[in-house]
Amino acid sequence: MTDDAVVAWKGNTLLTFDGTVLEVFGYPGTLSARFHVANLDLTVGEPDRKGDRFLRLATRLRSAGSMRLEVTADEWLEVQEVIDAVQAALALD
């Protein structure tokens, strides 16, 4: 992990982003997953009435599957920094 990587915990799941690769550790059913921004399809759901939202991470090719993370309003405060960095990198791609 580089010095400028952004890191956030969502419950027992760790998200890290180094500017190129988003890594997810501890996602239920898998040890880890890596998404390169050139092959990432990210969907950020709108907050519901409690402020909770979902994230959908998938490959653009759709052949490698996807993961859905439900993020509470409290967790979003930490996770948002990672997601903002990923979205900025996607905008440059």
Protein backbone atom coordinates (compact mmCIF):
# COMPACT_ATOMS: atom_id res chain seq x y z
CA MET A 1 0.00 0.00 0.00
CA THR A 2 1.34 3.42 -0.91
CA ASP A 3 1.63 6.34 1.47
CA ASP A 4 -1.18 8.19 -0.30
CA ALA A 5 -3.64 5.28 -0.20
CA VAL A 6 -7.01 5.89 1.40
CA VAL A 7 -8.35 3.29 3.80
CA ALA A 8 -11.73 2.75 5.45
CA TRP A 9 -13.43 0.10 7.54
CA LYS A 10 -17.04 -0.85 6.87
CA GLY A 11 -17.82 -3.18 9.73
CA ASN A 12 -15.40 -6.11 9.31
CA THR A 13 -14.66 -5.21 5.69
CA LEU A 14 -11.58 -3.15 4.82
CA LEU A 15 -11.52 -0.94 1.72
CA THR A 16 -8.25 0.46 0.38
CA PHE A 17 -7.57 2.52 -2.73
CA ASP A 18 -4.11 3.47 -3.97
CA GLY A 19 -5.22 5.59 -6.91
CA THR A 20 -5.37 2.66 -9.34
CA VAL A 21 -6.69 -0.44 -7.57
CA LEU A 22 -9.59 -0.70 -5.13
CA GLU A 23 -9.11 -3.64 -2.76
CA VAL A 24 -11.78 -5.12 -0.54
CA PHE A 25 -10.71 -7.41 2.32
CA GLY A 26 -13.03 -9.44 4.51
CA TYR A 27 -16.09 -9.34 2.24
CA PRO A 28 -18.38 -12.21 3.32
CA GLY A 29 -17.73 -15.31 1.23
CA THR A 30 -14.33 -14.22 -0.10
CA LEU A 31 -10.95 -13.35 1.34
CA SER A 32 -10.36 -10.31 -0.86
CA ALA A 33 -11.17 -8.72 -4.20
CA ARG A 34 -9.28 -6.28 -6.39
CA PHE A 35 -10.78 -3.90 -8.93
CA HIS A 36 -8.60 -1.89 -11.31
CA VAL A 37 -10.26 1.44 -12.16
CA ALA A 38 -9.98 0.65 -15.87
CA ASN A 39 -12.26 -2.36 -15.27
CA LEU A 40 -14.48 -1.08 -12.44
CA ASP A 41 -18.18 -0.35 -12.60
CA LEU A 42 -19.11 1.43 -9.35
CA THR A 43 -22.67 2.24 -8.35
CA VAL A 44 -23.33 4.35 -5.26
CA GLY A 45 -26.96 4.24 -4.17
CA GLU A 46 -28.83 7.22 -2.83
CA PRO A 47 -29.27 7.29 0.95
CA ASP A 48 -32.53 5.86 2.26
CA ARG A 49 -34.61 7.57 4.96
CA LYS A 50 -32.09 6.43 7.64
CA GLY A 51 -29.10 7.61 5.61
CA ASP A 52 -28.00 4.08 4.72
CA ARG A 53 -26.92 3.34 1.15
CA PHE A 54 -25.47 0.56 -0.95
CA LEU A 55 -22.34 0.26 -3.04
CA ARG A 56 -22.16 -2.12 -5.99
CA LEU A 57 -18.69 -3.03 -7.22
CA ALA A 58 -18.45 -4.99 -10.46
CA THR A 59 -16.12 -5.51 -13.37
CA ARG A 60 -17.06 -3.75 -16.58
CA LEU A 61 -16.87 -7.11 -18.34
CA ARG A 62 -19.49 -8.57 -15.98
CA SER A 63 -17.85 -12.00 -16.18
CA ALA A 64 -16.05 -11.81 -12.84
CA GLY A 65 -19.06 -11.15 -10.64
CA SER A 66 -19.81 -8.29 -8.34
CA MET A 67 -20.25 -7.41 -4.70
CA ARG A 68 -22.80 -5.30 -2.92
CA LEU A 69 -21.96 -3.52 0.31
CA GLU A 70 -24.63 -2.01 2.51
CA VAL A 71 -23.20 1.05 4.22
CA THR A 72 -24.87 2.63 7.24
CA ALA A 73 -24.99 6.39 7.67
CA ASP A 74 -22.31 6.18 10.38
CA GLU A 75 -20.05 3.98 8.22
CA TRP A 76 -20.50 6.33 5.27
CA LEU A 77 -18.59 9.05 7.10
CA GLU A 78 -15.44 6.91 6.81
CA VAL A 79 -16.17 5.06 3.55
CA GLN A 80 -16.98 8.24 1.61
CA GLU A 81 -13.30 9.27 1.42
CA VAL A 82 -12.41 6.03 -0.36
CA ILE A 83 -15.41 6.23 -2.69
CA ASP A 84 -14.69 9.87 -3.54
CA ALA A 85 -11.11 8.94 -4.47
CA VAL A 86 -12.31 6.04 -6.62
CA GLN A 87 -14.88 8.22 -8.37
CA ALA A 88 -12.22 10.86 -9.08
CA ALA A 89 -9.97 8.19 -10.63
CA LEU A 90 -12.88 6.83 -12.68
CA ALA A 91 -13.55 10.32 -14.03
CA LEU A 92 -9.97 10.46 -15.32
CA ASP A 93 -10.17 7.01 -16.93
